[in-house]
Amino acid sequence: MASWLRRNRGFLLFLLGLALFRTAIADWNPIPSGSMRPTLLEGDVVLVNRTAYDIKLPLTDIALLRLGEPARGDVVTFTSPRDGERLIKRLVALPGDVVEMRDEALYINGSRAGYTQRGAGSEPMEDGSITSVVRATERLAQRDHAVQFLPQLRALRSFGPVVVPPGQYFMLGDNRDDSNDSRYIGFVPRRLLIGRAHHILASADIKGSWAPRPARFGRAID
């Protein structure tokens, strides 16, 4: 065993360095579900900047240094406060914000987000069926991003107003009627934020032929 470790010391050090890099600086995260459609698709692999907000002790949630502040509209990976699952959603409300939803429309501090309808479409569901969707552009904090709604699904389309507690954040999926987000799992403490997703590294059609989707490679995340 000792001789094997000596022979492979360089490779093992490389693996250790890669692991530390992924847990402390940058990471890539595969998208397993449709909760962020149409922004992110199942089979996208996104790049995550783990130092966008904090430098953390590797393999822990302990912040060593604050580097930046989360902003409304950021697409964020985080650990679910309910069950510890890693999730990716859009940050829509900051500590102290008053957040509310009225018939799918998002309100922050009493101001309604802007919506421009893009049109209708169809999407595959987990059970293999096809469902109709309504797509729109949502303007939040002077930033535009795509959202979609599935009118035929049961979802929490109105809530609040609620005040986001200090040190916590409110997350929503862009696929508003098919997302396990802060409406169901609650506010997300800063210590559970992992990083900000900024680009799609690669993509493949994992719900169909598994063919690569080159047009999505390197695309910036709105």
Protein backbone atom coordinates (compact mmCIF):
# COMPACT_ATOMS: atom_id res chain seq x y z
CA MET A 1 0.00 0.00 0.00
CA ALA A 2 2.79 2.41 0.92
CA SER A 3 4.58 1.78 -2.38
CA TRP A 4 1.31 2.31 -4.32
CA LEU A 5 0.80 5.63 -2.55
CA ARG A 6 4.37 6.72 -3.43
CA ARG A 7 3.92 5.77 -7.09
CA ASN A 8 0.63 7.62 -7.38
CA ARG A 9 1.41 10.56 -5.10
CA GLY A 10 1.23 13.13 -7.91
CA PHE A 11 -2.12 11.91 -9.15
CA LEU A 12 -3.56 11.78 -5.63
CA LEU A 13 -2.38 15.33 -4.94
CA PHE A 14 -4.03 16.43 -8.18
CA LEU A 15 -7.33 14.83 -7.10
CA LEU A 16 -7.08 16.47 -3.69
CA GLY A 17 -6.40 19.84 -5.25
CA LEU A 18 -9.32 19.42 -7.65
CA ALA A 19 -11.62 18.50 -4.79
CA LEU A 20 -10.56 21.54 -2.77
CA PHE A 21 -10.96 23.75 -5.84
CA ARG A 22 -14.51 22.49 -6.40
CA THR A 23 -15.52 22.88 -2.75
CA ALA A 24 -13.96 26.32 -2.20
CA ILE A 25 -13.56 28.27 -5.46
CA ALA A 26 -15.50 27.04 -8.49
CA ASP A 27 -17.82 24.17 -9.26
CA TRP A 28 -20.00 22.74 -11.99
CA ASN A 29 -23.53 21.70 -11.30
CA PRO A 30 -25.74 19.47 -13.52
CA ILE A 31 -29.40 20.49 -13.80
CA PRO A 32 -31.56 17.44 -13.00
CA SER A 33 -35.06 18.96 -13.10
CA GLY A 34 -37.16 21.52 -14.98
CA SER A 35 -37.67 23.98 -12.11
CA MET A 36 -35.60 26.68 -13.85
CA ARG A 37 -37.07 26.28 -17.34
CA PRO A 38 -36.82 28.03 -19.74
CA THR A 39 -33.59 29.60 -18.41
CA LEU A 40 -31.97 26.26 -17.61
CA LEU A 41 -32.89 22.88 -19.07
CA GLU A 42 -32.48 19.38 -17.73
CA GLY A 43 -29.04 18.26 -18.89
CA ASP A 44 -27.41 21.69 -18.70
CA VAL A 45 -24.19 21.78 -16.68
CA VAL A 46 -23.67 25.21 -15.12
CA LEU A 47 -20.53 26.88 -13.83
CA VAL A 48 -20.83 28.11 -10.24
CA ASN A 49 -18.63 30.79 -8.69
CA ARG A 50 -18.29 29.67 -5.07
CA THR A 51 -16.46 32.88 -4.11
CA ALA A 52 -19.14 35.23 -5.44
CA TYR A 53 -20.37 35.90 -1.90
CA ASP A 54 -18.09 34.22 0.66
CA ILE A 55 -14.90 32.25 1.01
CA LYS A 56 -15.78 29.19 3.06
CA LEU A 57 -13.79 26.57 4.88
CA PRO A 58 -13.76 23.64 2.42
CA LEU A 59 -16.47 21.01 3.00
CA THR A 60 -18.29 23.25 5.50
CA ASP A 61 -20.77 26.14 5.62
CA ILE A 62 -18.34 28.22 7.70
CA ALA A 63 -17.62 31.58 6.03
CA LEU A 64 -14.06 32.85 6.44
CA LEU A 65 -14.43 36.07 4.46
CA ARG A 66 -17.27 38.01 2.80
CA LEU A 67 -16.44 38.96 -0.77
CA GLY A 68 -19.76 40.18 -2.17
CA GLU A 69 -23.45 40.58 -1.56
CA PRO A 70 -26.18 38.48 -3.18
CA ALA A 71 -28.33 40.55 -5.54
CA ARG A 72 -31.91 40.29 -6.71
CA GLY A 73 -32.00 38.32 -9.93
CA ASP A 74 -28.91 36.19 -9.22
CA VAL A 75 -29.20 32.50 -10.09
CA VAL A 76 -27.90 30.79 -6.97
CA THR A 77 -27.02 27.27 -5.89
CA PHE A 78 -27.74 26.55 -2.24
CA THR A 79 -28.48 23.83 0.25
CA SER A 80 -32.18 23.39 1.00
CA PRO A 81 -32.96 24.37 4.61
CA ARG A 82 -35.64 21.65 4.62
CA ASP A 83 -33.79 18.49 3.59
CA GLY A 84 -30.19 19.39 2.70
CA GLU A 85 -30.66 18.84 -1.05
CA ARG A 86 -28.63 21.04 -3.39
CA LEU A 87 -30.94 23.35 -5.35
CA ILE A 88 -30.59 26.08 -7.95
CA LYS A 89 -33.12 28.94 -8.08
CA ARG A 90 -33.37 32.66 -8.70
CA LEU A 91 -32.86 34.99 -5.74
CA VAL A 92 -35.79 37.43 -5.80
CA ALA A 93 -35.83 39.06 -2.35
CA LEU A 94 -33.15 40.26 0.06
CA PRO A 95 -33.11 40.59 3.87
CA GLY A 96 -35.69 43.19 4.90
CA ASP A 97 -37.62 43.03 1.62
CA VAL A 98 -41.39 42.64 1.65
CA VAL A 99 -42.20 39.93 -0.89
CA GLU A 100 -45.64 39.03 -2.20
CA MET A 101 -47.20 37.18 -5.12
CA ARG A 102 -50.65 37.97 -6.54
CA ASP A 103 -51.96 35.63 -9.23
CA GLU A 104 -48.40 34.77 -10.37
CA ALA A 105 -47.19 38.41 -10.40
CA LEU A 106 -44.25 39.08 -8.08
CA TYR A 107 -44.19 42.18 -5.87
CA ILE A 108 -41.08 43.41 -4.03
CA ASN A 109 -41.55 46.19 -1.46
CA GLY A 110 -44.94 46.98 -2.97
CA SER A 111 -43.63 47.31 -6.54
CA ARG A 112 -44.83 44.87 -9.16
CA ALA A 113 -42.22 43.19 -11.34
CA GLY A 114 -42.61 43.99 -15.03
CA TYR A 115 -43.92 41.29 -17.39
CA THR A 116 -43.84 41.10 -21.17
CA GLN A 117 -45.54 38.06 -22.64
CA ARG A 118 -43.45 35.99 -25.01
CA GLY A 119 -46.16 33.57 -26.10
CA ALA A 120 -47.34 30.01 -25.58
CA GLY A 121 -45.49 26.74 -25.98
CA SER A 122 -45.40 23.13 -24.84
CA GLU A 123 -43.15 21.18 -22.49
CA PRO A 124 -42.57 17.52 -21.59
CA MET A 125 -43.58 16.46 -18.08
CA GLU A 126 -42.03 13.82 -15.81
CA ASP A 127 -44.80 11.33 -16.60
CA GLY A 128 -44.07 11.58 -20.33
CA SER A 129 -47.05 13.78 -21.15
CA ILE A 130 -46.88 17.12 -22.96
CA THR A 131 -48.33 20.23 -21.33
CA SER A 132 -48.97 23.77 -22.53
CA VAL A 133 -47.00 26.68 -21.03
CA VAL A 134 -47.15 30.46 -21.09
CA ARG A 135 -43.78 32.20 -21.32
CA ALA A 136 -42.93 35.78 -20.35
CA THR A 137 -40.02 38.08 -19.65
CA GLU A 138 -39.88 39.21 -16.02
CA ARG A 139 -38.05 42.43 -15.16
CA LEU A 140 -36.64 42.37 -11.63
CA ALA A 141 -34.21 44.97 -10.26
CA GLN A 142 -33.61 46.33 -13.78
CA ARG A 143 -32.65 42.86 -15.02
CA ASP A 144 -34.66 40.78 -17.49
CA HIS A 145 -35.03 37.02 -17.43
CA ALA A 146 -37.43 34.45 -18.84
CA VAL A 147 -40.14 32.78 -16.75
CA GLN A 148 -42.92 30.39 -17.60
CA PHE A 149 -46.25 29.36 -16.13
CA LEU A 150 -48.18 26.09 -16.31
CA PRO A 151 -51.83 27.09 -15.72
CA GLN A 152 -53.13 23.52 -15.47
CA LEU A 153 -50.87 22.53 -12.54
CA ARG A 154 -51.73 23.08 -8.90
CA ALA A 155 -49.31 25.64 -7.44
CA LEU A 156 -49.07 28.41 -4.85
CA ARG A 157 -49.74 31.42 -7.11
CA SER A 158 -50.51 33.96 -4.38
CA PHE A 159 -48.92 34.48 -0.95
CA GLY A 160 -47.82 37.16 1.47
CA PRO A 161 -46.89 39.83 1.96
CA VAL A 162 -44.03 38.47 4.10
CA VAL A 163 -40.85 40.16 5.34
CA VAL A 164 -37.55 38.41 4.59
CA PRO A 165 -35.70 37.99 7.92
CA PRO A 166 -32.17 39.36 8.49
CA GLY A 167 -29.46 37.21 6.92
CA GLN A 168 -31.93 35.24 4.77
CA TYR A 169 -33.16 35.22 1.16
CA PHE A 170 -36.25 34.30 -0.83
CA MET A 171 -35.80 32.04 -3.88
CA LEU A 172 -38.13 31.23 -6.78
CA GLY A 173 -37.75 28.91 -9.76
CA ASP A 174 -38.22 30.46 -13.20
CA ASN A 175 -40.65 27.62 -13.94
CA ARG A 176 -43.04 29.18 -11.47
CA ASP A 177 -45.71 26.50 -11.22
CA ASP A 178 -43.29 23.55 -11.07
CA SER A 179 -40.58 24.54 -8.59
CA ASN A 180 -39.82 23.50 -5.01
CA ASP A 181 -38.66 26.93 -3.86
CA SER A 182 -39.04 29.31 -0.89
CA ARG A 183 -42.82 29.13 -1.15
CA TYR A 184 -42.49 25.56 0.14
CA ILE A 185 -39.05 25.23 1.79
CA GLY A 186 -38.92 28.65 3.46
CA PHE A 187 -36.28 31.36 3.55
CA VAL A 188 -32.66 30.43 2.81
CA PRO A 189 -29.96 31.56 5.30
CA ARG A 190 -26.80 33.07 3.83
CA ARG A 191 -24.67 30.28 5.30
CA LEU A 192 -26.48 27.81 2.99
CA LEU A 193 -25.66 29.75 -0.19
CA ILE A 194 -23.09 27.86 -2.26
CA GLY A 195 -22.42 30.25 -5.13
CA ARG A 196 -23.70 32.12 -8.16
CA ALA A 197 -24.28 30.28 -11.43
CA HIS A 198 -23.07 32.39 -14.36
CA HIS A 199 -22.59 30.28 -17.54
CA ILE A 200 -23.71 27.00 -19.06
CA LEU A 201 -20.61 24.85 -19.50
CA ALA A 202 -22.22 22.09 -21.59
CA SER A 203 -25.65 20.65 -22.32
CA ALA A 204 -27.23 17.40 -23.49
CA ASP A 205 -30.82 16.33 -24.11
CA ILE A 206 -31.10 13.92 -21.16
CA LYS A 207 -34.91 13.73 -21.51
CA GLY A 208 -34.67 12.52 -25.10
CA SER A 209 -31.85 11.34 -27.35
CA TRP A 210 -28.94 12.41 -25.10
CA ALA A 211 -27.60 14.40 -28.04
CA PRO A 212 -25.42 17.40 -27.14
CA ARG A 213 -26.93 20.87 -27.50
CA PRO A 214 -23.94 22.89 -28.80
CA ALA A 215 -25.95 26.11 -29.08
CA ARG A 216 -26.15 26.19 -25.27
CA PHE A 217 -22.41 25.65 -24.65
CA GLY A 218 -20.86 28.72 -23.02
CA ARG A 219 -24.14 30.65 -22.84
CA ALA A 220 -24.34 33.29 -20.12
CA ILE A 221 -27.17 32.83 -17.61
CA ASP A 222 -29.53 35.81 -17.56
